[in-house]
Amino acid sequence: MAKRWYEGSCHCRAVTFAIHSEPIVGAMRCNCSICRRKGLVMSLEYYPPGAFELRTGTQALAIYHFDEKSVNHYFCKHCGVYPFHDGTQSPTVTTIVSTSVASMRSISSDCRSGSSTAKTRGST
């Protein structure tokens, strides 16, 4: 299938972004401590830097680090929504953005609920 752009945002729309991807057909619940507390449902795929575009809101983003500080957890300073994250080890080479599927438009309701897959990641 052909790739397309998926758009997403934080709740207040101060932060908007897009990913270029094959059709998104699944989602997962990460089981690390922060994602469990947020009830986060996110994409199964990690996206390379060229497939991710932050369209608005650079100034509205803040970063939270915990534990080994290996992930930049971005959140909106205004509404608090956590729309995506990437790695800290070598961001210019290995940036991986895992978008919050719940903030994406054009995704089926099964995918948003995480019911299309039983996969989990991590256990921090």
PDB file of N, CA and C in Angstrom:
ATOM      1  N   MET A   1       0.842  -1.187   0.000  1.00  0.00           N
ATOM      2  CA  MET A   1       0.000   0.000   0.000  1.00  0.00           C
ATOM      3  C   MET A   1       0.882   1.243   0.000  1.00  0.00           C
ATOM      4  N   ALA A   2       0.334   2.314  -0.474  1.00  0.00           N
ATOM      5  CA  ALA A   2       1.086   3.559  -0.593  1.00  0.00           C
ATOM      6  C   ALA A   2       1.186   4.287   0.744  1.00  0.00           C
ATOM      7  N   LYS A   3       2.311   4.951   0.934  1.00  0.00           N
ATOM      8  CA  LYS A   3       2.485   5.764   2.135  1.00  0.00           C
ATOM      9  C   LYS A   3       1.614   7.003   2.038  1.00  0.00           C
ATOM     10  N   ARG A   4       1.253   7.524   3.192  1.00  0.00           N
ATOM     11  CA  ARG A   4       0.479   8.763   3.252  1.00  0.00           C
ATOM     12  C   ARG A   4       0.884   9.531   4.498  1.00  0.00           C
ATOM     13  N   TRP A   5       0.477  10.779   4.585  1.00  0.00           N
ATOM     14  CA  TRP A   5       0.748  11.599   5.766  1.00  0.00           C
ATOM     15  C   TRP A   5      -0.392  11.456   6.753  1.00  0.00           C
ATOM     16  N   TYR A   6      -0.048  11.190   8.000  1.00  0.00           N
ATOM     17  CA  TYR A   6      -1.003  11.177   9.104  1.00  0.00           C
ATOM     18  C   TYR A   6      -0.713  12.400   9.955  1.00  0.00           C
ATOM     19  N   GLU A   7      -1.745  13.127  10.326  1.00  0.00           N
ATOM     20  CA  GLU A   7      -1.571  14.326  11.146  1.00  0.00           C
ATOM     21  C   GLU A   7      -2.005  14.060  12.570  1.00  0.00           C
ATOM     22  N   GLY A   8      -1.339  14.734  13.513  1.00  0.00           N
ATOM     23  CA  GLY A   8      -1.691  14.609  14.919  1.00  0.00           C
ATOM     24  C   GLY A   8      -1.440  15.919  15.631  1.00  0.00           C
ATOM     25  N   SER A   9      -1.880  15.999  16.868  1.00  0.00           N
ATOM     26  CA  SER A   9      -1.693  17.228  17.639  1.00  0.00           C
ATOM     27  C   SER A   9      -1.876  16.937  19.122  1.00  0.00           C
ATOM     28  N   CYS A  10      -1.501  17.914  19.917  1.00  0.00           N
ATOM     29  CA  CYS A  10      -1.855  17.870  21.331  1.00  0.00           C
ATOM     30  C   CYS A  10      -3.328  18.289  21.432  1.00  0.00           C
ATOM     31  N   HIS A  11      -3.883  18.303  22.617  1.00  0.00           N
ATOM     32  CA  HIS A  11      -5.298  18.632  22.787  1.00  0.00           C
ATOM     33  C   HIS A  11      -5.627  20.063  22.377  1.00  0.00           C
ATOM     34  N   CYS A  12      -4.776  21.018  22.748  1.00  0.00           N
ATOM     35  CA  CYS A  12      -5.063  22.433  22.455  1.00  0.00           C
ATOM     36  C   CYS A  12      -4.589  22.859  21.061  1.00  0.00           C
ATOM     37  N   ARG A  13      -3.967  21.955  20.339  1.00  0.00           N
ATOM     38  CA  ARG A  13      -3.458  22.173  18.982  1.00  0.00           C
ATOM     39  C   ARG A  13      -2.297  23.163  18.916  1.00  0.00           C
ATOM     40  N   ALA A  14      -1.663  23.458  20.040  1.00  0.00           N
ATOM     41  CA  ALA A  14      -0.459  24.294  20.005  1.00  0.00           C
ATOM     42  C   ALA A  14       0.678  23.529  19.328  1.00  0.00           C
ATOM     43  N   VAL A  15       0.673  22.195  19.476  1.00  0.00           N
ATOM     44  CA  VAL A  15       1.670  21.330  18.850  1.00  0.00           C
ATOM     45  C   VAL A  15       0.967  20.512  17.778  1.00  0.00           C
ATOM     46  N   THR A  16       1.426  20.639  16.540  1.00  0.00           N
ATOM     47  CA  THR A  16       0.897  19.814  15.458  1.00  0.00           C
ATOM     48  C   THR A  16       2.065  19.132  14.761  1.00  0.00           C
ATOM     49  N   PHE A  17       1.824  17.934  14.265  1.00  0.00           N
ATOM     50  CA  PHE A  17       2.879  17.159  13.632  1.00  0.00           C
ATOM     51  C   PHE A  17       2.276  16.216  12.616  1.00  0.00           C
ATOM     52  N   ALA A  18       3.123  15.602  11.824  1.00  0.00           N
ATOM     53  CA  ALA A  18       2.668  14.614  10.852  1.00  0.00           C
ATOM     54  C   ALA A  18       3.739  13.537  10.715  1.00  0.00           C
ATOM     55  N   ILE A  19       3.299  12.331  10.353  1.00  0.00           N
ATOM     56  CA  ILE A  19       4.226  11.253  10.027  1.00  0.00           C
ATOM     57  C   ILE A  19       3.854  10.715   8.654  1.00  0.00           C
ATOM     58  N   HIS A  20       4.868  10.336   7.905  1.00  0.00           N
ATOM     59  CA  HIS A  20       4.678   9.730   6.591  1.00  0.00           C
ATOM     60  C   HIS A  20       4.857   8.239   6.775  1.00  0.00           C
ATOM     61  N   SER A  21       3.809   7.478   6.497  1.00  0.00           N
ATOM     62  CA  SER A  21       3.829   6.060   6.860  1.00  0.00           C
ATOM     63  C   SER A  21       2.974   5.219   5.930  1.00  0.00           C
ATOM     64  N   GLU A  22       3.315   3.947   5.905  1.00  0.00           N
ATOM     65  CA  GLU A  22       2.407   2.956   5.336  1.00  0.00           C
ATOM     66  C   GLU A  22       1.134   3.038   6.184  1.00  0.00           C
ATOM     67  N   PRO A  23       0.021   2.483   5.725  1.00  0.00           N
ATOM     68  CA  PRO A  23      -1.191   2.512   6.547  1.00  0.00           C
ATOM     69  C   PRO A  23      -0.924   1.976   7.956  1.00  0.00           C
ATOM     70  N   ILE A  24      -1.413   2.706   8.945  1.00  0.00           N
ATOM     71  CA  ILE A  24      -1.252   2.306  10.339  1.00  0.00           C
ATOM     72  C   ILE A  24      -2.405   1.379  10.673  1.00  0.00           C
ATOM     73  N   VAL A  25      -2.081   0.124  10.942  1.00  0.00           N
ATOM     74  CA  VAL A  25      -3.126  -0.874  11.147  1.00  0.00           C
ATOM     75  C   VAL A  25      -3.112  -1.475  12.546  1.00  0.00           C
ATOM     76  N   GLY A  26      -2.186  -1.048  13.374  1.00  0.00           N
ATOM     77  CA  GLY A  26      -2.133  -1.602  14.713  1.00  0.00           C
ATOM     78  C   GLY A  26      -1.610  -0.590  15.699  1.00  0.00           C
ATOM     79  N   ALA A  27      -1.803  -0.892  16.956  1.00  0.00           N
ATOM     80  CA  ALA A  27      -1.334  -0.036  18.030  1.00  0.00           C
ATOM     81  C   ALA A  27      -0.908  -0.926  19.186  1.00  0.00           C
ATOM     82  N   MET A  28      -0.252  -0.332  20.157  1.00  0.00           N
ATOM     83  CA  MET A  28       0.175  -1.109  21.314  1.00  0.00           C
ATOM     84  C   MET A  28       0.131  -0.262  22.569  1.00  0.00           C
ATOM     85  N   ARG A  29       0.119  -0.940  23.678  1.00  0.00           N
ATOM     86  CA  ARG A  29       0.234  -0.288  24.972  1.00  0.00           C
ATOM     87  C   ARG A  29       1.615  -0.606  25.515  1.00  0.00           C
ATOM     88  N   CYS A  30       2.410   0.428  25.724  1.00  0.00           N
ATOM     89  CA  CYS A  30       3.724   0.257  26.340  1.00  0.00           C
ATOM     90  C   CYS A  30       3.490  -0.012  27.815  1.00  0.00           C
ATOM     91  N   ASN A  31       4.310  -0.857  28.426  1.00  0.00           N
ATOM     92  CA  ASN A  31       4.095  -1.148  29.839  1.00  0.00           C
ATOM     93  C   ASN A  31       5.195  -0.566  30.729  1.00  0.00           C
ATOM     94  N   CYS A  32       5.914   0.473  30.258  1.00  0.00           N
ATOM     95  CA  CYS A  32       6.858   1.153  31.142  1.00  0.00           C
ATOM     96  C   CYS A  32       6.051   1.976  32.157  1.00  0.00           C
ATOM     97  N   SER A  33       6.700   2.422  33.201  1.00  0.00           N
ATOM     98  CA  SER A  33       5.986   3.080  34.296  1.00  0.00           C
ATOM     99  C   SER A  33       5.240   4.343  33.860  1.00  0.00           C
ATOM    100  N   ILE A  34       5.822   5.153  33.011  1.00  0.00           N
ATOM    101  CA  ILE A  34       5.160   6.400  32.609  1.00  0.00           C
ATOM    102  C   ILE A  34       3.980   6.118  31.674  1.00  0.00           C
ATOM    103  N   CYS A  35       4.155   5.218  30.729  1.00  0.00           N
ATOM    104  CA  CYS A  35       3.078   4.914  29.792  1.00  0.00           C
ATOM    105  C   CYS A  35       1.908   4.208  30.476  1.00  0.00           C
ATOM    106  N   ARG A  36       2.203   3.333  31.455  1.00  0.00           N
ATOM    107  CA  ARG A  36       1.116   2.692  32.208  1.00  0.00           C
ATOM    108  C   ARG A  36       0.268   3.741  32.911  1.00  0.00           C
ATOM    109  N   ARG A  37       0.928   4.710  33.525  1.00  0.00           N
ATOM    110  CA  ARG A  37       0.189   5.746  34.258  1.00  0.00           C
ATOM    111  C   ARG A  37      -0.640   6.626  33.323  1.00  0.00           C
ATOM    112  N   LYS A  38      -0.175   6.805  32.101  1.00  0.00           N
ATOM    113  CA  LYS A  38      -0.894   7.629  31.131  1.00  0.00           C
ATOM    114  C   LYS A  38      -1.937   6.833  30.356  1.00  0.00           C
ATOM    115  N   GLY A  39      -1.856   5.502  30.418  1.00  0.00           N
ATOM    116  CA  GLY A  39      -2.751   4.674  29.612  1.00  0.00           C
ATOM    117  C   GLY A  39      -2.481   4.859  28.128  1.00  0.00           C
ATOM    118  N   LEU A  40      -1.236   5.062  27.788  1.00  0.00           N
ATOM    119  CA  LEU A  40      -0.853   5.418  26.424  1.00  0.00           C
ATOM    120  C   LEU A  40      -1.056   4.277  25.434  1.00  0.00           C
ATOM    121  N   VAL A  41      -1.635   4.607  24.314  1.00  0.00           N
ATOM    122  CA  VAL A  41      -1.720   3.723  23.158  1.00  0.00           C
ATOM    123  C   VAL A  41      -0.876   4.384  22.091  1.00  0.00           C
ATOM    124  N   MET A  42       0.077   3.644  21.530  1.00  0.00           N
ATOM    125  CA  MET A  42       0.941   4.266  20.530  1.00  0.00           C
ATOM    126  C   MET A  42       1.151   3.355  19.341  1.00  0.00           C
ATOM    127  N   SER A  43       1.750   3.923  18.310  1.00  0.00           N
ATOM    128  CA  SER A  43       1.982   3.182  17.081  1.00  0.00           C
ATOM    129  C   SER A  43       2.929   2.016  17.315  1.00  0.00           C
ATOM    130  N   LEU A  44       2.781   0.982  16.520  1.00  0.00           N
ATOM    131  CA  LEU A  44       3.688  -0.160  16.579  1.00  0.00           C
ATOM    132  C   LEU A  44       5.050   0.195  15.994  1.00  0.00           C
ATOM    133  N   GLU A  45       5.070   1.132  15.075  1.00  0.00           N
ATOM    134  CA  GLU A  45       6.283   1.498  14.351  1.00  0.00           C
ATOM    135  C   GLU A  45       7.005   2.667  14.988  1.00  0.00           C
ATOM    136  N   TYR A  46       8.317   2.671  14.821  1.00  0.00           N
ATOM    137  CA  TYR A  46       9.125   3.855  15.094  1.00  0.00           C
ATOM    138  C   TYR A  46       9.392   4.499  13.747  1.00  0.00           C
ATOM    139  N   TYR A  47       9.408   5.802  13.702  1.00  0.00           N
ATOM    140  CA  TYR A  47       9.550   6.504  12.440  1.00  0.00           C
ATOM    141  C   TYR A  47      10.885   7.227  12.373  1.00  0.00           C
ATOM    142  N   PRO A  48      11.600   7.093  11.257  1.00  0.00           N
ATOM    143  CA  PRO A  48      12.886   7.774  11.117  1.00  0.00           C
ATOM    144  C   PRO A  48      12.674   9.282  10.994  1.00  0.00           C
ATOM    145  N   PRO A  49      13.721  10.082  11.219  1.00  0.00           N
ATOM    146  CA  PRO A  49      13.590  11.541  11.178  1.00  0.00           C
ATOM    147  C   PRO A  49      12.915  12.072   9.914  1.00  0.00           C
ATOM    148  N   GLY A  50      13.195  11.507   8.765  1.00  0.00           N
ATOM    149  CA  GLY A  50      12.600  11.987   7.524  1.00  0.00           C
ATOM    150  C   GLY A  50      11.109  11.733   7.400  1.00  0.00           C
ATOM    151  N   ALA A  51      10.570  10.838   8.221  1.00  0.00           N
ATOM    152  CA  ALA A  51       9.146  10.521   8.164  1.00  0.00           C
ATOM    153  C   ALA A  51       8.333  11.319   9.177  1.00  0.00           C
ATOM    154  N   PHE A  52       9.007  12.104  10.015  1.00  0.00           N
ATOM    155  CA  PHE A  52       8.330  12.899  11.046  1.00  0.00           C
ATOM    156  C   PHE A  52       8.518  14.376  10.764  1.00  0.00           C
ATOM    157  N   GLU A  53       7.432  15.117  10.901  1.00  0.00           N
ATOM    158  CA  GLU A  53       7.487  16.563  10.673  1.00  0.00           C
ATOM    159  C   GLU A  53       6.752  17.281  11.802  1.00  0.00           C
ATOM    160  N   LEU A  54       7.485  18.067  12.585  1.00  0.00           N
ATOM    161  CA  LEU A  54       6.858  18.907  13.605  1.00  0.00           C
ATOM    162  C   LEU A  54       6.411  20.166  12.882  1.00  0.00           C
ATOM    163  N   ARG A  55       5.119  20.376  12.773  1.00  0.00           N
ATOM    164  CA  ARG A  55       4.595  21.479  11.965  1.00  0.00           C
ATOM    165  C   ARG A  55       4.458  22.766  12.758  1.00  0.00           C
ATOM    166  N   THR A  56       3.973  22.690  13.977  1.00  0.00           N
ATOM    167  CA  THR A  56       3.871  23.884  14.821  1.00  0.00           C
ATOM    168  C   THR A  56       4.134  23.502  16.265  1.00  0.00           C
ATOM    169  N   GLY A  57       4.564  24.475  17.057  1.00  0.00           N
ATOM    170  CA  GLY A  57       4.620  24.277  18.489  1.00  0.00           C
ATOM    171  C   GLY A  57       5.960  23.978  19.110  1.00  0.00           C
ATOM    172  N   THR A  58       7.035  24.225  18.416  1.00  0.00           N
ATOM    173  CA  THR A  58       8.348  23.970  19.017  1.00  0.00           C
ATOM    174  C   THR A  58       8.469  24.642  20.378  1.00  0.00           C
ATOM    175  N   GLN A  59       8.024  25.876  20.478  1.00  0.00           N
ATOM    176  CA  GLN A  59       8.113  26.626  21.742  1.00  0.00           C
ATOM    177  C   GLN A  59       7.134  26.111  22.796  1.00  0.00           C
ATOM    178  N   ALA A  60       6.103  25.412  22.369  1.00  0.00           N
ATOM    179  CA  ALA A  60       5.108  24.890  23.317  1.00  0.00           C
ATOM    180  C   ALA A  60       5.529  23.554  23.918  1.00  0.00           C
ATOM    181  N   LEU A  61       6.582  22.938  23.391  1.00  0.00           N
ATOM    182  CA  LEU A  61       7.009  21.623  23.873  1.00  0.00           C
ATOM    183  C   LEU A  61       7.962  21.708  25.053  1.00  0.00           C
ATOM    184  N   ALA A  62       7.775  20.814  25.991  1.00  0.00           N
ATOM    185  CA  ALA A  62       8.709  20.620  27.093  1.00  0.00           C
ATOM    186  C   ALA A  62       9.100  19.145  27.052  1.00  0.00           C
ATOM    187  N   ILE A  63      10.204  18.806  27.717  1.00  0.00           N
ATOM    188  CA  ILE A  63      10.693  17.431  27.711  1.00  0.00           C
ATOM    189  C   ILE A  63      10.781  16.919  29.139  1.00  0.00           C
ATOM    190  N   TYR A  64      10.358  15.684  29.319  1.00  0.00           N
ATOM    191  CA  TYR A  64      10.483  15.011  30.602  1.00  0.00           C
ATOM    192  C   TYR A  64      11.405  13.808  30.426  1.00  0.00           C
ATOM    193  N   HIS A  65      12.375  13.652  31.331  1.00  0.00           N
ATOM    194  CA  HIS A  65      13.267  12.484  31.353  1.00  0.00           C
ATOM    195  C   HIS A  65      13.102  11.762  32.686  1.00  0.00           C
ATOM    196  N   PHE A  66      13.262  10.456  32.679  1.00  0.00           N
ATOM    197  CA  PHE A  66      13.291   9.699  33.922  1.00  0.00           C
ATOM    198  C   PHE A  66      14.213   8.502  33.755  1.00  0.00           C
ATOM    199  N   ASP A  67      14.503   7.838  34.841  1.00  0.00           N
ATOM    200  CA  ASP A  67      15.312   6.629  34.876  1.00  0.00           C
ATOM    201  C   ASP A  67      16.637   6.839  34.137  1.00  0.00           C
ATOM    202  N   GLU A  68      16.879   6.135  33.053  1.00  0.00           N
ATOM    203  CA  GLU A  68      18.152   6.220  32.340  1.00  0.00           C
ATOM    204  C   GLU A  68      18.227   7.406  31.382  1.00  0.00           C
ATOM    205  N   LYS A  69      17.165   8.197  31.305  1.00  0.00           N
ATOM    206  CA  LYS A  69      17.107   9.367  30.425  1.00  0.00           C
ATOM    207  C   LYS A  69      17.402   9.013  28.966  1.00  0.00           C
ATOM    208  N   SER A  70      16.926   7.859  28.534  1.00  0.00           N
ATOM    209  CA  SER A  70      17.180   7.409  27.173  1.00  0.00           C
ATOM    210  C   SER A  70      16.100   7.842  26.181  1.00  0.00           C
ATOM    211  N   VAL A  71      15.033   8.470  26.701  1.00  0.00           N
ATOM    212  CA  VAL A  71      13.925   8.898  25.844  1.00  0.00           C
ATOM    213  C   VAL A  71      13.546  10.333  26.182  1.00  0.00           C
ATOM    214  N   ASN A  72      13.315  11.137  25.141  1.00  0.00           N
ATOM    215  CA  ASN A  72      12.756  12.480  25.306  1.00  0.00           C
ATOM    216  C   ASN A  72      11.237  12.334  25.259  1.00  0.00           C
ATOM    217  N   HIS A  73      10.570  12.507  26.387  1.00  0.00           N
ATOM    218  CA  HIS A  73       9.108  12.458  26.445  1.00  0.00           C
ATOM    219  C   HIS A  73       8.621  13.889  26.271  1.00  0.00           C
ATOM    220  N   TYR A  74       8.137  14.219  25.083  1.00  0.00           N
ATOM    221  CA  TYR A  74       7.684  15.583  24.796  1.00  0.00           C
ATOM    222  C   TYR A  74       6.253  15.760  25.273  1.00  0.00           C
ATOM    223  N   PHE A  75       5.962  16.918  25.838  1.00  0.00           N
ATOM    224  CA  PHE A  75       4.579  17.231  26.196  1.00  0.00           C
ATOM    225  C   PHE A  75       4.320  18.710  25.960  1.00  0.00           C
ATOM    226  N   CYS A  76       3.062  19.048  25.759  1.00  0.00           N
ATOM    227  CA  CYS A  76       2.665  20.431  25.523  1.00  0.00           C
ATOM    228  C   CYS A  76       2.633  21.171  26.853  1.00  0.00           C
ATOM    229  N   LYS A  77       3.278  22.334  26.917  1.00  0.00           N
ATOM    230  CA  LYS A  77       3.301  23.148  28.141  1.00  0.00           C
ATOM    231  C   LYS A  77       1.922  23.709  28.482  1.00  0.00           C
ATOM    232  N   HIS A  78       1.043  23.772  27.491  1.00  0.00           N
ATOM    233  CA  HIS A  78      -0.272  24.391  27.706  1.00  0.00           C
ATOM    234  C   HIS A  78      -1.337  23.384  28.164  1.00  0.00           C
ATOM    235  N   CYS A  79      -1.447  22.256  27.466  1.00  0.00           N
ATOM    236  CA  CYS A  79      -2.515  21.299  27.808  1.00  0.00           C
ATOM    237  C   CYS A  79      -1.996  20.017  28.461  1.00  0.00           C
ATOM    238  N   GLY A  80      -0.685  19.798  28.434  1.00  0.00           N
ATOM    239  CA  GLY A  80      -0.096  18.646  29.099  1.00  0.00           C
ATOM    240  C   GLY A  80      -0.093  17.344  28.315  1.00  0.00           C
ATOM    241  N   VAL A  81      -0.629  17.347  27.104  1.00  0.00           N
ATOM    242  CA  VAL A  81      -0.691  16.115  26.313  1.00  0.00           C
ATOM    243  C   VAL A  81       0.702  15.720  25.823  1.00  0.00           C
ATOM    244  N   TYR A  82       0.955  14.423  25.815  1.00  0.00           N
ATOM    245  CA  TYR A  82       2.223  13.808  25.414  1.00  0.00           C
ATOM    246  C   TYR A  82       2.034  13.187  24.030  1.00  0.00           C
ATOM    247  N   PRO A  83       2.318  13.929  22.942  1.00  0.00           N
ATOM    248  CA  PRO A  83       2.000  13.407  21.618  1.00  0.00           C
ATOM    249  C   PRO A  83       3.040  12.481  20.989  1.00  0.00           C
ATOM    250  N   PHE A  84       4.305  12.563  21.407  1.00  0.00           N
ATOM    251  CA  PHE A  84       5.329  11.728  20.796  1.00  0.00           C
ATOM    252  C   PHE A  84       6.585  11.736  21.647  1.00  0.00           C
ATOM    253  N   HIS A  85       7.504  10.836  21.304  1.00  0.00           N
ATOM    254  CA  HIS A  85       8.805  10.807  21.973  1.00  0.00           C
ATOM    255  C   HIS A  85       9.869  10.349  20.984  1.00  0.00           C
ATOM    256  N   ASP A  86      11.124  10.585  21.328  1.00  0.00           N
ATOM    257  CA  ASP A  86      12.237  10.065  20.536  1.00  0.00           C
ATOM    258  C   ASP A  86      13.386   9.708  21.464  1.00  0.00           C
ATOM    259  N   GLY A  87      14.393   9.063  20.924  1.00  0.00           N
ATOM    260  CA  GLY A  87      15.527   8.622  21.716  1.00  0.00           C
ATOM    261  C   GLY A  87      16.534   9.742  21.953  1.00  0.00           C
ATOM    262  N   THR A  88      17.314   9.616  23.022  1.00  0.00           N
ATOM    263  CA  THR A  88      18.314  10.627  23.363  1.00  0.00           C
ATOM    264  C   THR A  88      19.731  10.219  22.989  1.00  0.00           C
ATOM    265  N   GLN A  89      19.970   8.952  22.697  1.00  0.00           N
ATOM    266  CA  GLN A  89      21.333   8.474  22.504  1.00  0.00           C
ATOM    267  C   GLN A  89      22.039   9.125  21.325  1.00  0.00           C
ATOM    268  N   SER A  90      21.392   9.211  20.205  1.00  0.00           N
ATOM    269  CA  SER A  90      21.988   9.803  19.014  1.00  0.00           C
ATOM    270  C   SER A  90      20.859  10.354  18.144  1.00  0.00           C
ATOM    271  N   PRO A  91      20.186  11.403  18.612  1.00  0.00           N
ATOM    272  CA  PRO A  91      18.970  11.849  17.932  1.00  0.00           C
ATOM    273  C   PRO A  91      19.147  12.217  16.460  1.00  0.00           C
ATOM    274  N   THR A  92      20.323  12.711  16.071  1.00  0.00           N
ATOM    275  CA  THR A  92      20.472  13.088  14.675  1.00  0.00           C
ATOM    276  C   THR A  92      20.553  11.877  13.759  1.00  0.00           C
ATOM    277  N   VAL A  93      20.916  10.723  14.309  1.00  0.00           N
ATOM    278  CA  VAL A  93      21.047   9.508  13.512  1.00  0.00           C
ATOM    279  C   VAL A  93      19.896   8.547  13.780  1.00  0.00           C
ATOM    280  N   THR A  94      19.531   8.366  15.025  1.00  0.00           N
ATOM    281  CA  THR A  94      18.569   7.315  15.370  1.00  0.00           C
ATOM    282  C   THR A  94      17.263   7.858  15.955  1.00  0.00           C
ATOM    283  N   THR A  95      16.927   9.090  15.662  1.00  0.00           N
ATOM    284  CA  THR A  95      15.679   9.625  16.193  1.00  0.00           C
ATOM    285  C   THR A  95      14.533   8.713  15.793  1.00  0.00           C
ATOM    286  N   ILE A  96      13.778   8.293  16.761  1.00  0.00           N
ATOM    287  CA  ILE A  96      12.606   7.468  16.501  1.00  0.00           C
ATOM    288  C   ILE A  96      11.420   8.112  17.195  1.00  0.00           C
ATOM    289  N   VAL A  97      10.446   8.448  16.452  1.00  0.00           N
ATOM    290  CA  VAL A  97       9.265   9.076  17.002  1.00  0.00           C
ATOM    291  C   VAL A  97       8.166   8.042  17.036  1.00  0.00           C
ATOM    292  N   SER A  98       7.615   7.826  18.189  1.00  0.00           N
ATOM    293  CA  SER A  98       6.506   6.911  18.332  1.00  0.00           C
ATOM    294  C   SER A  98       5.300   7.753  18.678  1.00  0.00           C
ATOM    295  N   THR A  99       4.469   7.996  17.731  1.00  0.00           N
ATOM    296  CA  THR A  99       3.370   8.930  17.919  1.00  0.00           C
ATOM    297  C   THR A  99       2.252   8.336  18.740  1.00  0.00           C
ATOM    298  N   SER A 100       1.641   9.157  19.529  1.00  0.00           N
ATOM    299  CA  SER A 100       0.493   8.746  20.309  1.00  0.00           C
ATOM    300  C   SER A 100      -0.673   8.544  19.353  1.00  0.00           C
ATOM    301  N   VAL A 101      -1.070   7.314  19.143  1.00  0.00           N
ATOM    302  CA  VAL A 101      -2.115   7.005  18.179  1.00  0.00           C
ATOM    303  C   VAL A 101      -3.410   7.721  18.531  1.00  0.00           C
ATOM    304  N   ALA A 102      -3.667   7.901  19.816  1.00  0.00           N
ATOM    305  CA  ALA A 102      -4.905   8.577  20.217  1.00  0.00           C
ATOM    306  C   ALA A 102      -4.949  10.016  19.725  1.00  0.00           C
ATOM    307  N   SER A 103      -3.805  10.636  19.424  1.00  0.00           N
ATOM    308  CA  SER A 103      -3.821  12.021  18.967  1.00  0.00           C
ATOM    309  C   SER A 103      -3.843  12.120  17.451  1.00  0.00           C
ATOM    310  N   MET A 104      -3.840  10.994  16.760  1.00  0.00           N
ATOM    311  CA  MET A 104      -3.811  11.007  15.308  1.00  0.00           C
ATOM    312  C   MET A 104      -5.218  11.068  14.746  1.00  0.00           C
ATOM    313  N   ARG A 105      -5.357  11.750  13.618  1.00  0.00           N
ATOM    314  CA  ARG A 105      -6.609  11.721  12.884  1.00  0.00           C
ATOM    315  C   ARG A 105      -6.445  10.697  11.758  1.00  0.00           C
ATOM    316  N   SER A 106      -7.511  10.180  11.243  1.00  0.00           N
ATOM    317  CA  SER A 106      -7.529   9.203  10.150  1.00  0.00           C
ATOM    318  C   SER A 106      -7.071   7.821  10.587  1.00  0.00           C
ATOM    319  N   ILE A 107      -7.324   7.448  11.814  1.00  0.00           N
ATOM    320  CA  ILE A 107      -7.001   6.121  12.320  1.00  0.00           C
ATOM    321  C   ILE A 107      -8.311   5.457  12.733  1.00  0.00           C
ATOM    322  N   SER A 108      -8.448   4.178  12.464  1.00  0.00           N
ATOM    323  CA  SER A 108      -9.694   3.502  12.823  1.00  0.00           C
ATOM    324  C   SER A 108      -9.868   3.452  14.335  1.00  0.00           C
ATOM    325  N   SER A 109     -11.097   3.351  14.792  1.00  0.00           N
ATOM    326  CA  SER A 109     -11.354   3.329  16.226  1.00  0.00           C
ATOM    327  C   SER A 109     -10.747   2.099  16.881  1.00  0.00           C
ATOM    328  N   ASP A 110     -10.676   0.966  16.200  1.00  0.00           N
ATOM    329  CA  ASP A 110     -10.042  -0.218  16.769  1.00  0.00           C
ATOM    330  C   ASP A 110      -8.572   0.048  17.054  1.00  0.00           C
ATOM    331  N   CYS A 111      -7.915   0.745  16.150  1.00  0.00           N
ATOM    332  CA  CYS A 111      -6.500   1.044  16.326  1.00  0.00           C
ATOM    333  C   CYS A 111      -6.309   2.018  17.489  1.00  0.00           C
ATOM    334  N   ARG A 112      -7.160   3.015  17.622  1.00  0.00           N
ATOM    335  CA  ARG A 112      -7.028   3.985  18.706  1.00  0.00           C
ATOM    336  C   ARG A 112      -7.181   3.336  20.072  1.00  0.00           C
ATOM    337  N   SER A 113      -8.000   2.327  20.174  1.00  0.00           N
ATOM    338  CA  SER A 113      -8.217   1.697  21.474  1.00  0.00           C
ATOM    339  C   SER A 113      -7.118   0.703  21.818  1.00  0.00           C
ATOM    340  N   GLY A 114      -6.295   0.398  20.839  1.00  0.00           N
ATOM    341  CA  GLY A 114      -5.248  -0.586  21.066  1.00  0.00           C
ATOM    342  C   GLY A 114      -5.751  -2.003  20.899  1.00  0.00           C
ATOM    343  N   SER A 115      -7.012  -2.158  20.492  1.00  0.00           N
ATOM    344  CA  SER A 115      -7.591  -3.497  20.420  1.00  0.00           C
ATOM    345  C   SER A 115      -7.127  -4.279  19.203  1.00  0.00           C
ATOM    346  N   SER A 116      -6.422  -3.629  18.274  1.00  0.00           N
ATOM    347  CA  SER A 116      -6.004  -4.350  17.085  1.00  0.00           C
ATOM    348  C   SER A 116      -4.730  -5.148  17.307  1.00  0.00           C
ATOM    349  N   THR A 117      -4.126  -5.046  18.484  1.00  0.00           N
ATOM    350  CA  THR A 117      -2.935  -5.816  18.780  1.00  0.00           C
ATOM    351  C   THR A 117      -2.797  -6.017  20.268  1.00  0.00           C
ATOM    352  N   ALA A 118      -2.114  -7.035  20.649  1.00  0.00           N
ATOM    353  CA  ALA A 118      -1.902  -7.284  22.078  1.00  0.00           C
ATOM    354  C   ALA A 118      -0.457  -7.009  22.477  1.00  0.00           C
ATOM    355  N   LYS A 119       0.302  -6.392  21.597  1.00  0.00           N
ATOM    356  CA  LYS A 119       1.719  -6.192  21.867  1.00  0.00           C
ATOM    357  C   LYS A 119       1.934  -5.163  22.978  1.00  0.00           C
ATOM    358  N   THR A 120       3.007  -5.373  23.729  1.00  0.00           N
ATOM    359  CA  THR A 120       3.439  -4.408  24.722  1.00  0.00           C
ATOM    360  C   THR A 120       4.932  -4.216  24.568  1.00  0.00           C
ATOM    361  N   ARG A 121       5.460  -3.123  25.111  1.00  0.00           N
ATOM    362  CA  ARG A 121       6.884  -2.853  25.021  1.00  0.00           C
ATOM    363  C   ARG A 121       7.400  -2.413  26.366  1.00  0.00           C
ATOM    364  N   GLY A 122       8.582  -2.841  26.707  1.00  0.00           N
ATOM    365  CA  GLY A 122       9.271  -2.364  27.904  1.00  0.00           C
ATOM    366  C   GLY A 122       8.695  -2.899  29.197  1.00  0.00           C
ATOM    367  N   SER A 123       9.407  -2.609  30.268  1.00  0.00           N
ATOM    368  CA  SER A 123       8.895  -2.972  31.589  1.00  0.00           C
ATOM    369  C   SER A 123       9.677  -2.230  32.653  1.00  0.00           C
ATOM    370  N   THR A 124       9.783  -0.902  32.483  1.00  0.00           N
ATOM    371  CA  THR A 124      10.539  -0.094  33.422  1.00  0.00           C
ATOM    372  C   THR A 124       9.745   0.158  34.680  1.00  0.00           C
TER     373      THR A 124
END
